[in-house]
């Protein structure tokens, strides 16, 4: 049974789906009773899933050459708007921007990571990954590997957050 599961995990689509679900489940398991993160777990799952959906749609709607341009635009916009919102929030506490900044950091960090993963996977030196999953370097397999990779990063982020919250 374990050997069959390992063979199925070498199927790229199956491995990606399982890893995505494990990533969400892992966050839920670790922080379900956490007083800080428990109230926002649904938002974390929603943002994570929305970023993945946006990236998938972006892959089908844009030419791969435009990804770097999108990344540059998002990087500039987020840095400029962070400064603007922080400046506004410091001026007589006009509004609270902590939630916005945290959410935007999450969204743009993961989106930038997905775009970087996609570029890295397009590099000829990454053939070993495609060999492992017995697939070829196509836009569809790169997209699937990007979702798989960012799901693993989401799991590691949960571990880091758990370590942070365990520090007294």
C-alpha atoms as a PDB file:
ATOM      1  CA  UNK A   1       0.000   0.000   0.000  1.00  0.00           C
ATOM      2  CA  UNK A   2       2.802   2.437   0.882  1.00  0.00           C
ATOM      3  CA  UNK A   3       4.653   1.542  -2.309  1.00  0.00           C
ATOM      4  CA  UNK A   4       1.490   2.205  -4.344  1.00  0.00           C
ATOM      5  CA  UNK A   5       1.112   5.600  -2.656  1.00  0.00           C
ATOM      6  CA  UNK A   6       4.732   6.464  -3.444  1.00  0.00           C
ATOM      7  CA  UNK A   7       4.169   5.491  -7.083  1.00  0.00           C
ATOM      8  CA  UNK A   8       1.044   7.673  -7.187  1.00  0.00           C
ATOM      9  CA  UNK A   9       2.972  10.567  -5.653  1.00  0.00           C
ATOM     10  CA  UNK A  10       5.303  10.415  -8.653  1.00  0.00           C
ATOM     11  CA  UNK A  11       2.238  11.324 -10.712  1.00  0.00           C
ATOM     12  CA  UNK A  12       2.658  15.089 -10.885  1.00  0.00           C
ATOM     13  CA  UNK A  13      -1.025  16.039 -10.801  1.00  0.00           C
ATOM     14  CA  UNK A  14      -1.787  13.689  -7.915  1.00  0.00           C
ATOM     15  CA  UNK A  15       1.275  14.821  -5.944  1.00  0.00           C
ATOM     16  CA  UNK A  16       0.322  18.467  -6.466  1.00  0.00           C
ATOM     17  CA  UNK A  17      -3.264  17.980  -5.328  1.00  0.00           C
ATOM     18  CA  UNK A  18      -2.208  15.985  -2.265  1.00  0.00           C
ATOM     19  CA  UNK A  19       0.466  18.528  -1.320  1.00  0.00           C
ATOM     20  CA  UNK A  20      -1.967  21.442  -1.709  1.00  0.00           C
ATOM     21  CA  UNK A  21      -4.499  19.707   0.559  1.00  0.00           C
ATOM     22  CA  UNK A  22      -1.794  18.751   3.064  1.00  0.00           C
ATOM     23  CA  UNK A  23      -0.586  22.369   3.136  1.00  0.00           C
ATOM     24  CA  UNK A  24      -4.054  23.650   4.025  1.00  0.00           C
ATOM     25  CA  UNK A  25      -4.657  20.801   6.466  1.00  0.00           C
ATOM     26  CA  UNK A  26      -1.278  21.355   8.092  1.00  0.00           C
ATOM     27  CA  UNK A  27      -2.055  25.018   8.779  1.00  0.00           C
ATOM     28  CA  UNK A  28      -5.464  24.010  10.115  1.00  0.00           C
ATOM     29  CA  UNK A  29      -3.984  21.310  12.369  1.00  0.00           C
ATOM     30  CA  UNK A  30      -1.177  23.483  13.743  1.00  0.00           C
ATOM     31  CA  UNK A  31      -3.158  26.641  14.376  1.00  0.00           C
ATOM     32  CA  UNK A  32      -6.739  25.530  15.006  1.00  0.00           C
ATOM     33  CA  UNK A  33      -6.396  26.361  18.706  1.00  0.00           C
ATOM     34  CA  UNK A  34      -3.925  29.243  18.336  1.00  0.00           C
ATOM     35  CA  UNK A  35      -5.476  32.411  19.758  1.00  0.00           C
ATOM     36  CA  UNK A  36      -3.751  34.633  17.185  1.00  0.00           C
ATOM     37  CA  UNK A  37      -4.056  32.623  13.961  1.00  0.00           C
ATOM     38  CA  UNK A  38      -7.203  30.600  14.575  1.00  0.00           C
ATOM     39  CA  UNK A  39      -9.542  33.534  13.823  1.00  0.00           C
ATOM     40  CA  UNK A  40      -7.797  34.165  10.476  1.00  0.00           C
ATOM     41  CA  UNK A  41      -7.188  30.597   9.277  1.00  0.00           C
ATOM     42  CA  UNK A  42     -10.034  30.823   6.786  1.00  0.00           C
ATOM     43  CA  UNK A  43      -8.513  34.012   5.354  1.00  0.00           C
ATOM     44  CA  UNK A  44      -5.095  32.352   5.120  1.00  0.00           C
ATOM     45  CA  UNK A  45      -6.607  29.418   3.200  1.00  0.00           C
ATOM     46  CA  UNK A  46      -8.595  31.777   0.985  1.00  0.00           C
ATOM     47  CA  UNK A  47      -5.624  33.995   0.170  1.00  0.00           C
ATOM     48  CA  UNK A  48      -3.371  31.007  -0.520  1.00  0.00           C
ATOM     49  CA  UNK A  49      -5.938  29.339  -2.769  1.00  0.00           C
ATOM     50  CA  UNK A  50      -6.778  32.621  -4.514  1.00  0.00           C
ATOM     51  CA  UNK A  51      -3.129  33.295  -5.313  1.00  0.00           C
ATOM     52  CA  UNK A  52      -2.815  29.811  -6.795  1.00  0.00           C
ATOM     53  CA  UNK A  53      -5.977  30.311  -8.837  1.00  0.00           C
ATOM     54  CA  UNK A  54      -4.780  33.718 -10.054  1.00  0.00           C
ATOM     55  CA  UNK A  55      -1.428  32.227 -11.068  1.00  0.00           C
ATOM     56  CA  UNK A  56      -3.126  29.391 -12.951  1.00  0.00           C
ATOM     57  CA  UNK A  57      -5.371  31.868 -14.774  1.00  0.00           C
ATOM     58  CA  UNK A  58      -2.374  34.098 -15.467  1.00  0.00           C
ATOM     59  CA  UNK A  59      -0.604  31.105 -17.050  1.00  0.00           C
ATOM     60  CA  UNK A  60      -3.483  30.504 -19.405  1.00  0.00           C
ATOM     61  CA  UNK A  61      -4.078  34.191 -20.216  1.00  0.00           C
ATOM     62  CA  UNK A  62      -0.554  35.589 -20.598  1.00  0.00           C
ATOM     63  CA  UNK A  63       2.450  34.678 -22.647  1.00  0.00           C
ATOM     64  CA  UNK A  64       5.319  33.419 -20.462  1.00  0.00           C
ATOM     65  CA  UNK A  65       7.477  36.361 -21.556  1.00  0.00           C
ATOM     66  CA  UNK A  66       5.094  38.726 -19.754  1.00  0.00           C
ATOM     67  CA  UNK A  67       5.535  37.088 -16.338  1.00  0.00           C
ATOM     68  CA  UNK A  68       8.627  39.085 -15.481  1.00  0.00           C
ATOM     69  CA  UNK A  69       6.821  42.296 -16.395  1.00  0.00           C
ATOM     70  CA  UNK A  70       3.896  41.336 -14.133  1.00  0.00           C
ATOM     71  CA  UNK A  71       6.358  40.549 -11.353  1.00  0.00           C
ATOM     72  CA  UNK A  72       8.101  43.904 -11.752  1.00  0.00           C
ATOM     73  CA  UNK A  73       4.799  45.787 -11.750  1.00  0.00           C
ATOM     74  CA  UNK A  74       3.551  43.962  -8.640  1.00  0.00           C
ATOM     75  CA  UNK A  75       6.872  44.438  -6.858  1.00  0.00           C
ATOM     76  CA  UNK A  76       6.890  48.184  -7.533  1.00  0.00           C
ATOM     77  CA  UNK A  77       3.213  48.648  -6.702  1.00  0.00           C
ATOM     78  CA  UNK A  78       3.388  46.767  -3.438  1.00  0.00           C
ATOM     79  CA  UNK A  79       6.486  48.618  -2.238  1.00  0.00           C
ATOM     80  CA  UNK A  80       5.065  52.010  -3.190  1.00  0.00           C
ATOM     81  CA  UNK A  81       1.672  51.285  -1.640  1.00  0.00           C
ATOM     82  CA  UNK A  82       3.249  49.864   1.532  1.00  0.00           C
ATOM     83  CA  UNK A  83       5.032  53.166   2.059  1.00  0.00           C
ATOM     84  CA  UNK A  84       1.898  55.161   1.278  1.00  0.00           C
ATOM     85  CA  UNK A  85      -0.324  53.140   3.620  1.00  0.00           C
ATOM     86  CA  UNK A  86       2.258  53.174   6.402  1.00  0.00           C
ATOM     87  CA  UNK A  87       2.565  56.948   6.022  1.00  0.00           C
ATOM     88  CA  UNK A  88      -1.247  57.314   6.133  1.00  0.00           C
ATOM     89  CA  UNK A  89      -1.525  55.087   9.179  1.00  0.00           C
ATOM     90  CA  UNK A  90       1.105  57.103  11.040  1.00  0.00           C
ATOM     91  CA  UNK A  91      -0.724  60.353  10.311  1.00  0.00           C
ATOM     92  CA  UNK A  92      -3.286  60.647  13.104  1.00  0.00           C
ATOM     93  CA  UNK A  93      -4.176  56.957  12.822  1.00  0.00           C
ATOM     94  CA  UNK A  94      -6.549  57.558   9.924  1.00  0.00           C
ATOM     95  CA  UNK A  95      -7.103  53.857   9.421  1.00  0.00           C
ATOM     96  CA  UNK A  96      -5.635  50.538  10.424  1.00  0.00           C
ATOM     97  CA  UNK A  97      -3.550  49.017   7.631  1.00  0.00           C
ATOM     98  CA  UNK A  98      -1.942  46.093   9.443  1.00  0.00           C
ATOM     99  CA  UNK A  99      -4.349  43.558   7.963  1.00  0.00           C
ATOM    100  CA  UNK A 100      -3.939  44.980   4.488  1.00  0.00           C
ATOM    101  CA  UNK A 101      -0.145  44.975   4.704  1.00  0.00           C
ATOM    102  CA  UNK A 102      -0.028  41.405   6.022  1.00  0.00           C
ATOM    103  CA  UNK A 103      -2.445  40.167   3.372  1.00  0.00           C
ATOM    104  CA  UNK A 104      -0.690  42.032   0.565  1.00  0.00           C
ATOM    105  CA  UNK A 105       2.686  40.690   1.706  1.00  0.00           C
ATOM    106  CA  UNK A 106       1.285  37.169   1.653  1.00  0.00           C
ATOM    107  CA  UNK A 107      -0.329  37.609  -1.777  1.00  0.00           C
ATOM    108  CA  UNK A 108       2.567  39.301  -3.522  1.00  0.00           C
ATOM    109  CA  UNK A 109       5.212  37.158  -1.839  1.00  0.00           C
ATOM    110  CA  UNK A 110       3.582  33.946  -2.994  1.00  0.00           C
ATOM    111  CA  UNK A 111       2.788  35.358  -6.441  1.00  0.00           C
ATOM    112  CA  UNK A 112       6.376  36.524  -6.883  1.00  0.00           C
ATOM    113  CA  UNK A 113       7.566  33.117  -5.680  1.00  0.00           C
ATOM    114  CA  UNK A 114       5.346  31.350  -8.200  1.00  0.00           C
ATOM    115  CA  UNK A 115       6.675  33.509 -11.027  1.00  0.00           C
ATOM    116  CA  UNK A 116      10.265  32.877  -9.895  1.00  0.00           C
ATOM    117  CA  UNK A 117       9.631  29.129  -9.663  1.00  0.00           C
ATOM    118  CA  UNK A 118       8.197  29.172 -13.164  1.00  0.00           C
ATOM    119  CA  UNK A 119      11.283  30.974 -14.493  1.00  0.00           C
ATOM    120  CA  UNK A 120      13.598  28.597 -12.638  1.00  0.00           C
ATOM    121  CA  UNK A 121      11.775  25.544 -13.994  1.00  0.00           C
ATOM    122  CA  UNK A 122      12.209  26.900 -17.508  1.00  0.00           C
ATOM    123  CA  UNK A 123      15.965  26.670 -16.971  1.00  0.00           C
ATOM    124  CA  UNK A 124      17.595  23.632 -18.667  1.00  0.00           C
ATOM    125  CA  UNK A 125      19.392  22.719 -15.425  1.00  0.00           C
ATOM    126  CA  UNK A 126      16.115  21.664 -13.811  1.00  0.00           C
ATOM    127  CA  UNK A 127      15.567  18.598 -15.992  1.00  0.00           C
ATOM    128  CA  UNK A 128      16.018  16.329 -12.944  1.00  0.00           C
ATOM    129  CA  UNK A 129      12.647  17.498 -11.582  1.00  0.00           C
ATOM    130  CA  UNK A 130      10.847  16.618 -14.785  1.00  0.00           C
ATOM    131  CA  UNK A 131      12.698  13.284 -14.900  1.00  0.00           C
ATOM    132  CA  UNK A 132      11.544  12.479 -11.343  1.00  0.00           C
ATOM    133  CA  UNK A 133       7.897  12.968 -12.305  1.00  0.00           C
ATOM    134  CA  UNK A 134       8.426  11.324 -15.702  1.00  0.00           C
ATOM    135  CA  UNK A 135       7.138  14.365 -17.537  1.00  0.00           C
ATOM    136  CA  UNK A 136       8.499  16.893 -20.001  1.00  0.00           C
ATOM    137  CA  UNK A 137       9.215  20.569 -19.567  1.00  0.00           C
ATOM    138  CA  UNK A 138       5.950  22.018 -20.857  1.00  0.00           C
ATOM    139  CA  UNK A 139       4.010  25.067 -19.671  1.00  0.00           C
ATOM    140  CA  UNK A 140       1.395  22.766 -18.081  1.00  0.00           C
ATOM    141  CA  UNK A 141       3.951  20.683 -16.172  1.00  0.00           C
ATOM    142  CA  UNK A 142       5.793  23.851 -15.054  1.00  0.00           C
ATOM    143  CA  UNK A 143       2.508  25.277 -13.813  1.00  0.00           C
ATOM    144  CA  UNK A 144       1.757  22.112 -11.871  1.00  0.00           C
ATOM    145  CA  UNK A 145       5.278  22.037 -10.421  1.00  0.00           C
ATOM    146  CA  UNK A 146       4.928  25.685  -9.371  1.00  0.00           C
ATOM    147  CA  UNK A 147       1.748  24.878  -7.445  1.00  0.00           C
ATOM    148  CA  UNK A 148       3.471  21.847  -5.923  1.00  0.00           C
ATOM    149  CA  UNK A 149       6.511  23.919  -4.932  1.00  0.00           C
ATOM    150  CA  UNK A 150       4.563  26.787  -3.408  1.00  0.00           C
ATOM    151  CA  UNK A 151       2.435  24.285  -1.478  1.00  0.00           C
ATOM    152  CA  UNK A 152       5.632  22.909   0.067  1.00  0.00           C
ATOM    153  CA  UNK A 153       6.710  26.449   0.880  1.00  0.00           C
ATOM    154  CA  UNK A 154       3.306  26.994   2.505  1.00  0.00           C
ATOM    155  CA  UNK A 155       3.934  23.924   4.681  1.00  0.00           C
ATOM    156  CA  UNK A 156       7.380  25.217   5.670  1.00  0.00           C
ATOM    157  CA  UNK A 157       5.845  28.615   6.429  1.00  0.00           C
ATOM    158  CA  UNK A 158       3.464  26.911   8.849  1.00  0.00           C
ATOM    159  CA  UNK A 159       6.402  25.202  10.554  1.00  0.00           C
ATOM    160  CA  UNK A 160       8.222  28.532  10.896  1.00  0.00           C
ATOM    161  CA  UNK A 161       5.079  30.224  12.240  1.00  0.00           C
ATOM    162  CA  UNK A 162       4.583  27.348  14.681  1.00  0.00           C
ATOM    163  CA  UNK A 163       8.148  27.720  15.935  1.00  0.00           C
ATOM    164  CA  UNK A 164       7.607  31.464  16.320  1.00  0.00           C
ATOM    165  CA  UNK A 165       4.440  30.956  18.363  1.00  0.00           C
ATOM    166  CA  UNK A 166       6.095  28.288  20.526  1.00  0.00           C
ATOM    167  CA  UNK A 167       8.767  30.742  21.703  1.00  0.00           C
ATOM    168  CA  UNK A 168       7.833  32.149  25.097  1.00  0.00           C
END
